[in-house]
Amino acid sequence: AVGPAGTGKTYLAVATAVKALQERDVSRIILTR
Protein backbone atom coordinates (compact mmCIF):
# COMPACT_ATOMS: atom_id res chain seq x y z
CA ALA A 1 0.00 0.00 0.00
CA VAL A 2 1.57 3.27 -1.17
CA GLY A 3 -0.04 6.62 -0.48
CA PRO A 4 0.07 9.89 1.47
CA ALA A 5 -0.45 10.05 5.22
CA GLY A 6 -4.07 9.85 6.32
CA THR A 7 -5.40 7.77 3.41
CA GLY A 8 -6.32 4.79 5.60
CA LYS A 9 -3.46 2.41 4.80
CA THR A 10 -2.79 1.23 8.37
CA TYR A 11 -6.35 1.77 9.62
CA LEU A 12 -8.03 -0.39 6.95
CA ALA A 13 -5.30 -3.05 7.18
CA VAL A 14 -5.86 -3.36 10.94
CA ALA A 15 -9.65 -3.49 10.46
CA THR A 16 -9.26 -6.23 7.83
CA ALA A 17 -6.91 -8.13 10.15
CA VAL A 18 -9.31 -7.93 13.13
CA LYS A 19 -12.19 -9.17 10.97
CA ALA A 20 -10.06 -12.06 9.65
CA LEU A 21 -9.23 -12.98 13.26
CA GLN A 22 -12.90 -12.79 14.32
CA GLU A 23 -13.91 -15.04 11.41
CA ARG A 24 -11.05 -17.48 12.25
CA ASP A 25 -9.42 -17.04 8.84
CA VAL A 26 -6.14 -16.46 10.76
CA SER A 27 -5.06 -17.48 14.25
CA ARG A 28 -3.08 -14.33 15.14
CA ILE A 29 -2.26 -10.77 14.12
CA ILE A 30 1.31 -9.48 14.05
CA LEU A 31 1.85 -5.73 13.72
CA THR A 32 5.38 -4.49 13.18
CA ARG A 33 7.16 -1.30 12.20
PDB file of all heavy atoms in Angstrom:
ATOM      1  N   ALA A   1       0.858  -1.188   0.000  1.00  0.00           N
ATOM      2  CA  ALA A   1       0.000   0.000   0.000  1.00  0.00           C
ATOM      3  C   ALA A   1       0.892   1.236   0.000  1.00  0.00           C
ATOM      4  O   ALA A   1       1.696   1.423   0.906  1.00  0.00           O
ATOM      5  CB  ALA A   1      -0.900   0.008   1.225  1.00  0.00           C
ATOM      6  N   VAL A   2       0.760   2.057  -1.038  1.00  0.00           N
ATOM      7  CA  VAL A   2       1.572   3.266  -1.167  1.00  0.00           C
ATOM      8  C   VAL A   2       0.628   4.453  -1.271  1.00  0.00           C
ATOM      9  O   VAL A   2      -0.279   4.460  -2.100  1.00  0.00           O
ATOM     10  CB  VAL A   2       2.470   3.191  -2.426  1.00  0.00           C
ATOM     11  CG1 VAL A   2       3.351   4.432  -2.517  1.00  0.00           C
ATOM     12  CG2 VAL A   2       3.319   1.933  -2.407  1.00  0.00           C
ATOM     13  N   GLY A   3       0.831   5.458  -0.421  1.00  0.00           N
ATOM     14  CA  GLY A   3      -0.039   6.625  -0.484  1.00  0.00           C
ATOM     15  C   GLY A   3       0.323   7.632   0.582  1.00  0.00           C
ATOM     16  O   GLY A   3       1.079   7.323   1.510  1.00  0.00           O
ATOM     17  N   PRO A   4      -0.222   8.843   0.481  1.00  0.00           N
ATOM     18  CA  PRO A   4       0.073   9.893   1.467  1.00  0.00           C
ATOM     19  C   PRO A   4      -0.450   9.535   2.852  1.00  0.00           C
ATOM     20  O   PRO A   4      -1.278   8.625   2.999  1.00  0.00           O
ATOM     21  CB  PRO A   4      -0.672  11.122   0.916  1.00  0.00           C
ATOM     22  CG  PRO A   4      -1.066  10.776  -0.481  1.00  0.00           C
ATOM     23  CD  PRO A   4      -1.144   9.294  -0.567  1.00  0.00           C
ATOM     24  N   ALA A   5       0.027  10.253   3.855  1.00  0.00           N
ATOM     25  CA  ALA A   5      -0.455  10.050   5.224  1.00  0.00           C
ATOM     26  C   ALA A   5      -1.947  10.353   5.291  1.00  0.00           C
ATOM     27  O   ALA A   5      -2.441  11.259   4.618  1.00  0.00           O
ATOM     28  CB  ALA A   5       0.316  10.960   6.177  1.00  0.00           C
ATOM     29  N   GLY A   6      -2.655   9.577   6.104  1.00  0.00           N
ATOM     30  CA  GLY A   6      -4.074   9.854   6.322  1.00  0.00           C
ATOM     31  C   GLY A   6      -5.009   9.261   5.301  1.00  0.00           C
ATOM     32  O   GLY A   6      -6.196   9.600   5.287  1.00  0.00           O
ATOM     33  N   THR A   7      -4.528   8.368   4.430  1.00  0.00           N
ATOM     34  CA  THR A   7      -5.398   7.774   3.413  1.00  0.00           C
ATOM     35  C   THR A   7      -5.936   6.410   3.829  1.00  0.00           C
ATOM     36  O   THR A   7      -6.557   5.729   3.020  1.00  0.00           O
ATOM     37  CB  THR A   7      -4.672   7.675   2.057  1.00  0.00           C
ATOM     38  OG1 THR A   7      -3.383   7.076   2.262  1.00  0.00           O
ATOM     39  CG2 THR A   7      -4.462   9.038   1.441  1.00  0.00           C
ATOM     40  N   GLY A   8      -5.690   6.003   5.072  1.00  0.00           N
ATOM     41  CA  GLY A   8      -6.317   4.789   5.598  1.00  0.00           C
ATOM     42  C   GLY A   8      -5.536   3.517   5.396  1.00  0.00           C
ATOM     43  O   GLY A   8      -6.087   2.420   5.543  1.00  0.00           O
ATOM     44  N   LYS A   9      -4.249   3.614   5.082  1.00  0.00           N
ATOM     45  CA  LYS A   9      -3.465   2.405   4.796  1.00  0.00           C
ATOM     46  C   LYS A   9      -3.399   1.501   6.028  1.00  0.00           C
ATOM     47  O   LYS A   9      -3.776   0.325   5.967  1.00  0.00           O
ATOM     48  CB  LYS A   9      -2.047   2.800   4.338  1.00  0.00           C
ATOM     49  CG  LYS A   9      -2.002   3.655   3.081  1.00  0.00           C
ATOM     50  CD  LYS A   9      -0.596   3.951   2.625  1.00  0.00           C
ATOM     51  CE  LYS A   9       0.229   4.727   3.637  1.00  0.00           C
ATOM     52  NZ  LYS A   9      -0.297   6.078   3.931  1.00  0.00           N
ATOM     53  N   THR A  10      -2.910   2.028   7.150  1.00  0.00           N
ATOM     54  CA  THR A  10      -2.789   1.235   8.371  1.00  0.00           C
ATOM     55  C   THR A  10      -4.161   0.916   8.948  1.00  0.00           C
ATOM     56  O   THR A  10      -4.442  -0.216   9.347  1.00  0.00           O
ATOM     57  CB  THR A  10      -1.947   1.991   9.418  1.00  0.00           C
ATOM     58  OG1 THR A  10      -0.665   2.279   8.867  1.00  0.00           O
ATOM     59  CG2 THR A  10      -1.777   1.174  10.685  1.00  0.00           C
ATOM     60  N   TYR A  11      -5.041   1.898   8.984  1.00  0.00           N
ATOM     61  CA  TYR A  11      -6.351   1.767   9.620  1.00  0.00           C
ATOM     62  C   TYR A  11      -7.161   0.637   8.979  1.00  0.00           C
ATOM     63  O   TYR A  11      -7.689  -0.239   9.661  1.00  0.00           O
ATOM     64  CB  TYR A  11      -7.088   3.098   9.501  1.00  0.00           C
ATOM     65  CG  TYR A  11      -8.325   3.204  10.360  1.00  0.00           C
ATOM     66  CD1 TYR A  11      -8.225   3.524  11.716  1.00  0.00           C
ATOM     67  CD2 TYR A  11      -9.588   3.003   9.829  1.00  0.00           C
ATOM     68  CE1 TYR A  11      -9.356   3.628  12.511  1.00  0.00           C
ATOM     69  CE2 TYR A  11     -10.722   3.105  10.610  1.00  0.00           C
ATOM     70  CZ  TYR A  11     -10.597   3.425  11.943  1.00  0.00           C
ATOM     71  OH  TYR A  11     -11.717   3.518  12.726  1.00  0.00           O
ATOM     72  N   LEU A  12      -7.239   0.643   7.648  1.00  0.00           N
ATOM     73  CA  LEU A  12      -8.026  -0.386   6.954  1.00  0.00           C
ATOM     74  C   LEU A  12      -7.348  -1.753   7.042  1.00  0.00           C
ATOM     75  O   LEU A  12      -8.031  -2.782   7.105  1.00  0.00           O
ATOM     76  CB  LEU A  12      -8.244   0.012   5.496  1.00  0.00           C
ATOM     77  CG  LEU A  12      -9.276   1.119   5.265  1.00  0.00           C
ATOM     78  CD1 LEU A  12      -9.255   1.566   3.810  1.00  0.00           C
ATOM     79  CD2 LEU A  12     -10.673   0.663   5.656  1.00  0.00           C
ATOM     80  N   ALA A  13      -6.011  -1.769   7.033  1.00  0.00           N
ATOM     81  CA  ALA A  13      -5.302  -3.048   7.177  1.00  0.00           C
ATOM     82  C   ALA A  13      -5.591  -3.669   8.543  1.00  0.00           C
ATOM     83  O   ALA A  13      -5.843  -4.875   8.647  1.00  0.00           O
ATOM     84  CB  ALA A  13      -3.807  -2.843   6.984  1.00  0.00           C
ATOM     85  N   VAL A  14      -5.575  -2.847   9.593  1.00  0.00           N
ATOM     86  CA  VAL A  14      -5.858  -3.362  10.944  1.00  0.00           C
ATOM     87  C   VAL A  14      -7.310  -3.838  11.032  1.00  0.00           C
ATOM     88  O   VAL A  14      -7.591  -4.904  11.596  1.00  0.00           O
ATOM     89  CB  VAL A  14      -5.550  -2.293  12.014  1.00  0.00           C
ATOM     90  CG1 VAL A  14      -6.037  -2.746  13.395  1.00  0.00           C
ATOM     91  CG2 VAL A  14      -4.055  -2.002  12.076  1.00  0.00           C
ATOM     92  N   ALA A  15      -8.235  -3.079  10.450  1.00  0.00           N
ATOM     93  CA  ALA A  15      -9.650  -3.489  10.462  1.00  0.00           C
ATOM     94  C   ALA A  15      -9.837  -4.813   9.736  1.00  0.00           C
ATOM     95  O   ALA A  15     -10.564  -5.706  10.208  1.00  0.00           O
ATOM     96  CB  ALA A  15     -10.511  -2.405   9.823  1.00  0.00           C
ATOM     97  N   THR A  16      -9.169  -4.976   8.591  1.00  0.00           N
ATOM     98  CA  THR A  16      -9.261  -6.225   7.829  1.00  0.00           C
ATOM     99  C   THR A  16      -8.661  -7.384   8.628  1.00  0.00           C
ATOM    100  O   THR A  16      -9.187  -8.505   8.632  1.00  0.00           O
ATOM    101  CB  THR A  16      -8.538  -6.087   6.476  1.00  0.00           C
ATOM    102  OG1 THR A  16      -9.052  -4.943   5.790  1.00  0.00           O
ATOM    103  CG2 THR A  16      -8.736  -7.311   5.608  1.00  0.00           C
ATOM    104  N   ALA A  17      -7.560  -7.101   9.335  1.00  0.00           N
ATOM    105  CA  ALA A  17      -6.911  -8.133  10.155  1.00  0.00           C
ATOM    106  C   ALA A  17      -7.812  -8.560  11.309  1.00  0.00           C
ATOM    107  O   ALA A  17      -7.953  -9.768  11.586  1.00  0.00           O
ATOM    108  CB  ALA A  17      -5.581  -7.607  10.693  1.00  0.00           C
ATOM    109  N   VAL A  18      -8.432  -7.602  11.990  1.00  0.00           N
ATOM    110  CA  VAL A  18      -9.306  -7.928  13.128  1.00  0.00           C
ATOM    111  C   VAL A  18     -10.501  -8.745  12.653  1.00  0.00           C
ATOM    112  O   VAL A  18     -10.900  -9.721  13.300  1.00  0.00           O
ATOM    113  CB  VAL A  18      -9.759  -6.637  13.849  1.00  0.00           C
ATOM    114  CG1 VAL A  18     -10.827  -6.946  14.894  1.00  0.00           C
ATOM    115  CG2 VAL A  18      -8.566  -5.953  14.522  1.00  0.00           C
ATOM    116  N   LYS A  19     -11.063  -8.386  11.489  1.00  0.00           N
ATOM    117  CA  LYS A  19     -12.192  -9.174  10.969  1.00  0.00           C
ATOM    118  C   LYS A  19     -11.750 -10.587  10.611  1.00  0.00           C
ATOM    119  O   LYS A  19     -12.466 -11.561  10.890  1.00  0.00           O
ATOM    120  CB  LYS A  19     -12.801  -8.488   9.749  1.00  0.00           C
ATOM    121  CG  LYS A  19     -14.030  -9.223   9.242  1.00  0.00           C
ATOM    122  CD  LYS A  19     -14.831  -8.453   8.239  1.00  0.00           C
ATOM    123  CE  LYS A  19     -16.132  -9.167   7.918  1.00  0.00           C
ATOM    124  NZ  LYS A  19     -16.923  -8.461   6.901  1.00  0.00           N
ATOM    125  N   ALA A  20     -10.568 -10.721   9.992  1.00  0.00           N
ATOM    126  CA  ALA A  20     -10.057 -12.056   9.649  1.00  0.00           C
ATOM    127  C   ALA A  20      -9.863 -12.904  10.907  1.00  0.00           C
ATOM    128  O   ALA A  20     -10.125 -14.109  10.904  1.00  0.00           O
ATOM    129  CB  ALA A  20      -8.752 -11.937   8.877  1.00  0.00           C
ATOM    130  N   LEU A  21      -9.409 -12.268  11.993  1.00  0.00           N
ATOM    131  CA  LEU A  21      -9.234 -12.982  13.263  1.00  0.00           C
ATOM    132  C   LEU A  21     -10.585 -13.398  13.834  1.00  0.00           C
ATOM    133  O   LEU A  21     -10.748 -14.535  14.293  1.00  0.00           O
ATOM    134  CB  LEU A  21      -8.483 -12.087  14.261  1.00  0.00           C
ATOM    135  CG  LEU A  21      -8.125 -12.714  15.607  1.00  0.00           C
ATOM    136  CD1 LEU A  21      -7.101 -13.830  15.431  1.00  0.00           C
ATOM    137  CD2 LEU A  21      -7.593 -11.653  16.564  1.00  0.00           C
ATOM    138  N   GLN A  22     -11.568 -12.477  13.792  1.00  0.00           N
ATOM    139  CA  GLN A  22     -12.899 -12.785  14.323  1.00  0.00           C
ATOM    140  C   GLN A  22     -13.548 -13.939  13.557  1.00  0.00           C
ATOM    141  O   GLN A  22     -14.254 -14.751  14.143  1.00  0.00           O
ATOM    142  CB  GLN A  22     -13.787 -11.541  14.246  1.00  0.00           C
ATOM    143  CG  GLN A  22     -13.418 -10.457  15.236  1.00  0.00           C
ATOM    144  CD  GLN A  22     -14.276  -9.212  15.082  1.00  0.00           C
ATOM    145  OE1 GLN A  22     -14.959  -9.042  14.075  1.00  0.00           O
ATOM    146  NE2 GLN A  22     -14.242  -8.349  16.069  1.00  0.00           N
ATOM    147  N   GLU A  23     -13.298 -13.991  12.248  1.00  0.00           N
ATOM    148  CA  GLU A  23     -13.910 -15.037  11.413  1.00  0.00           C
ATOM    149  C   GLU A  23     -13.046 -16.304  11.352  1.00  0.00           C
ATOM    150  O   GLU A  23     -13.339 -17.214  10.590  1.00  0.00           O
ATOM    151  CB  GLU A  23     -14.153 -14.489  10.004  1.00  0.00           C
ATOM    152  CG  GLU A  23     -15.193 -13.363   9.998  1.00  0.00           C
ATOM    153  CD  GLU A  23     -15.483 -12.818   8.615  1.00  0.00           C
ATOM    154  OE1 GLU A  23     -14.725 -13.157   7.657  1.00  0.00           O
ATOM    155  OE2 GLU A  23     -16.456 -12.071   8.474  1.00  0.00           O
ATOM    156  N   ARG A  24     -11.948 -16.326  12.144  1.00  0.00           N
ATOM    157  CA  ARG A  24     -11.046 -17.476  12.251  1.00  0.00           C
ATOM    158  C   ARG A  24     -10.363 -17.834  10.926  1.00  0.00           C
ATOM    159  O   ARG A  24     -10.010 -18.983  10.691  1.00  0.00           O
ATOM    160  CB  ARG A  24     -11.782 -18.691  12.816  1.00  0.00           C
ATOM    161  CG  ARG A  24     -12.405 -18.436  14.187  1.00  0.00           C
ATOM    162  CD  ARG A  24     -13.034 -19.677  14.769  1.00  0.00           C
ATOM    163  NE  ARG A  24     -13.749 -19.371  15.992  1.00  0.00           N
ATOM    164  CZ  ARG A  24     -13.189 -19.226  17.194  1.00  0.00           C
ATOM    165  NH1 ARG A  24     -11.890 -19.354  17.326  1.00  0.00           N
ATOM    166  NH2 ARG A  24     -13.933 -18.962  18.251  1.00  0.00           N
ATOM    167  N   ASP A  25     -10.197 -16.828  10.066  1.00  0.00           N
ATOM    168  CA  ASP A  25      -9.415 -17.036   8.842  1.00  0.00           C
ATOM    169  C   ASP A  25      -7.927 -17.080   9.174  1.00  0.00           C
ATOM    170  O   ASP A  25      -7.128 -17.664   8.422  1.00  0.00           O
ATOM    171  CB  ASP A  25      -9.683 -15.910   7.834  1.00  0.00           C
ATOM    172  CG  ASP A  25     -11.105 -15.950   7.304  1.00  0.00           C
ATOM    173  OD1 ASP A  25     -11.687 -17.050   7.276  1.00  0.00           O
ATOM    174  OD2 ASP A  25     -11.645 -14.895   6.931  1.00  0.00           O
ATOM    175  N   VAL A  26      -7.522 -16.410  10.257  1.00  0.00           N
ATOM    176  CA  VAL A  26      -6.142 -16.459  10.760  1.00  0.00           C
ATOM    177  C   VAL A  26      -6.197 -16.722  12.257  1.00  0.00           C
ATOM    178  O   VAL A  26      -7.242 -16.544  12.885  1.00  0.00           O
ATOM    179  CB  VAL A  26      -5.378 -15.130  10.481  1.00  0.00           C
ATOM    180  CG1 VAL A  26      -5.252 -14.870   8.990  1.00  0.00           C
ATOM    181  CG2 VAL A  26      -6.041 -13.947  11.173  1.00  0.00           C
ATOM    182  N   SER A  27      -5.072 -17.175  12.818  1.00  0.00           N
ATOM    183  CA  SER A  27      -5.062 -17.479  14.252  1.00  0.00           C
ATOM    184  C   SER A  27      -4.383 -16.379  15.070  1.00  0.00           C
ATOM    185  O   SER A  27      -4.496 -16.371  16.290  1.00  0.00           O
ATOM    186  CB  SER A  27      -4.365 -18.816  14.510  1.00  0.00           C
ATOM    187  OG  SER A  27      -3.026 -18.759  14.056  1.00  0.00           O
ATOM    188  N   ARG A  28      -3.675 -15.448  14.400  1.00  0.00           N
ATOM    189  CA  ARG A  28      -3.078 -14.334  15.142  1.00  0.00           C
ATOM    190  C   ARG A  28      -2.774 -13.168  14.211  1.00  0.00           C
ATOM    191  O   ARG A  28      -2.705 -13.322  12.995  1.00  0.00           O
ATOM    192  CB  ARG A  28      -1.815 -14.758  15.887  1.00  0.00           C
ATOM    193  CG  ARG A  28      -0.722 -15.320  15.017  1.00  0.00           C
ATOM    194  CD  ARG A  28       0.488 -15.677  15.857  1.00  0.00           C
ATOM    195  NE  ARG A  28       1.490 -16.365  15.061  1.00  0.00           N
ATOM    196  CZ  ARG A  28       2.752 -16.506  15.428  1.00  0.00           C
ATOM    197  NH1 ARG A  28       3.164 -15.997  16.572  1.00  0.00           N
ATOM    198  NH2 ARG A  28       3.620 -17.150  14.659  1.00  0.00           N
ATOM    199  N   ILE A  29      -2.604 -12.003  14.835  1.00  0.00           N
ATOM    200  CA  ILE A  29      -2.259 -10.773  14.115  1.00  0.00           C
ATOM    201  C   ILE A  29      -0.901 -10.312  14.614  1.00  0.00           C
ATOM    202  O   ILE A  29      -0.668 -10.242  15.833  1.00  0.00           O
ATOM    203  CB  ILE A  29      -3.298  -9.666  14.371  1.00  0.00           C
ATOM    204  CG1 ILE A  29      -4.688 -10.086  13.870  1.00  0.00           C
ATOM    205  CG2 ILE A  29      -2.888  -8.359  13.714  1.00  0.00           C
ATOM    206  CD1 ILE A  29      -5.794  -9.131  14.280  1.00  0.00           C
ATOM    207  N   ILE A  30      -0.007 -10.006  13.679  1.00  0.00           N
ATOM    208  CA  ILE A  30       1.314  -9.481  14.049  1.00  0.00           C
ATOM    209  C   ILE A  30       1.477  -8.125  13.383  1.00  0.00           C
ATOM    210  O   ILE A  30       1.401  -7.997  12.157  1.00  0.00           O
ATOM    211  CB  ILE A  30       2.432 -10.439  13.618  1.00  0.00           C
ATOM    212  CG1 ILE A  30       2.302 -11.755  14.389  1.00  0.00           C
ATOM    213  CG2 ILE A  30       3.806  -9.812  13.865  1.00  0.00           C
ATOM    214  CD1 ILE A  30       3.207 -12.848  13.920  1.00  0.00           C
ATOM    215  N   LEU A  31       1.658  -7.092  14.201  1.00  0.00           N
ATOM    216  CA  LEU A  31       1.847  -5.730  13.717  1.00  0.00           C
ATOM    217  C   LEU A  31       3.288  -5.323  13.997  1.00  0.00           C
ATOM    218  O   LEU A  31       3.758  -5.443  15.131  1.00  0.00           O
ATOM    219  CB  LEU A  31       0.893  -4.773  14.434  1.00  0.00           C
ATOM    220  CG  LEU A  31      -0.591  -5.174  14.430  1.00  0.00           C
ATOM    221  CD1 LEU A  31      -1.388  -4.275  15.349  1.00  0.00           C
ATOM    222  CD2 LEU A  31      -1.150  -5.120  13.034  1.00  0.00           C
ATOM    223  N   THR A  32       3.974  -4.852  12.995  1.00  0.00           N
ATOM    224  CA  THR A  32       5.379  -4.488  13.182  1.00  0.00           C
ATOM    225  C   THR A  32       5.703  -3.225  12.403  1.00  0.00           C
ATOM    226  O   THR A  32       5.051  -2.916  11.405  1.00  0.00           O
ATOM    227  CB  THR A  32       6.296  -5.658  12.750  1.00  0.00           C
ATOM    228  OG1 THR A  32       7.650  -5.318  13.001  1.00  0.00           O
ATOM    229  CG2 THR A  32       6.127  -6.001  11.282  1.00  0.00           C
ATOM    230  N   ARG A  33       6.683  -2.499  12.908  1.00  0.00           N
ATOM    231  CA  ARG A  33       7.160  -1.305  12.197  1.00  0.00           C
ATOM    232  C   ARG A  33       8.595  -1.033  12.617  1.00  0.00           C
ATOM    233  O   ARG A  33       9.000  -1.410  13.728  1.00  0.00           O
ATOM    234  CB  ARG A  33       6.250  -0.103  12.449  1.00  0.00           C
ATOM    235  CG  ARG A  33       6.346   0.504  13.818  1.00  0.00           C
ATOM    236  CD  ARG A  33       5.180   1.415  14.185  1.00  0.00           C
ATOM    237  NE  ARG A  33       4.799   2.393  13.217  1.00  0.00           N
ATOM    238  CZ  ARG A  33       5.010   3.725  13.336  1.00  0.00           C
ATOM    239  NH1 ARG A  33       5.678   4.192  14.371  1.00  0.00           N
ATOM    240  NH2 ARG A  33       4.595   4.545  12.436  1.00  0.00           N
TER     241      ARG A  33
END
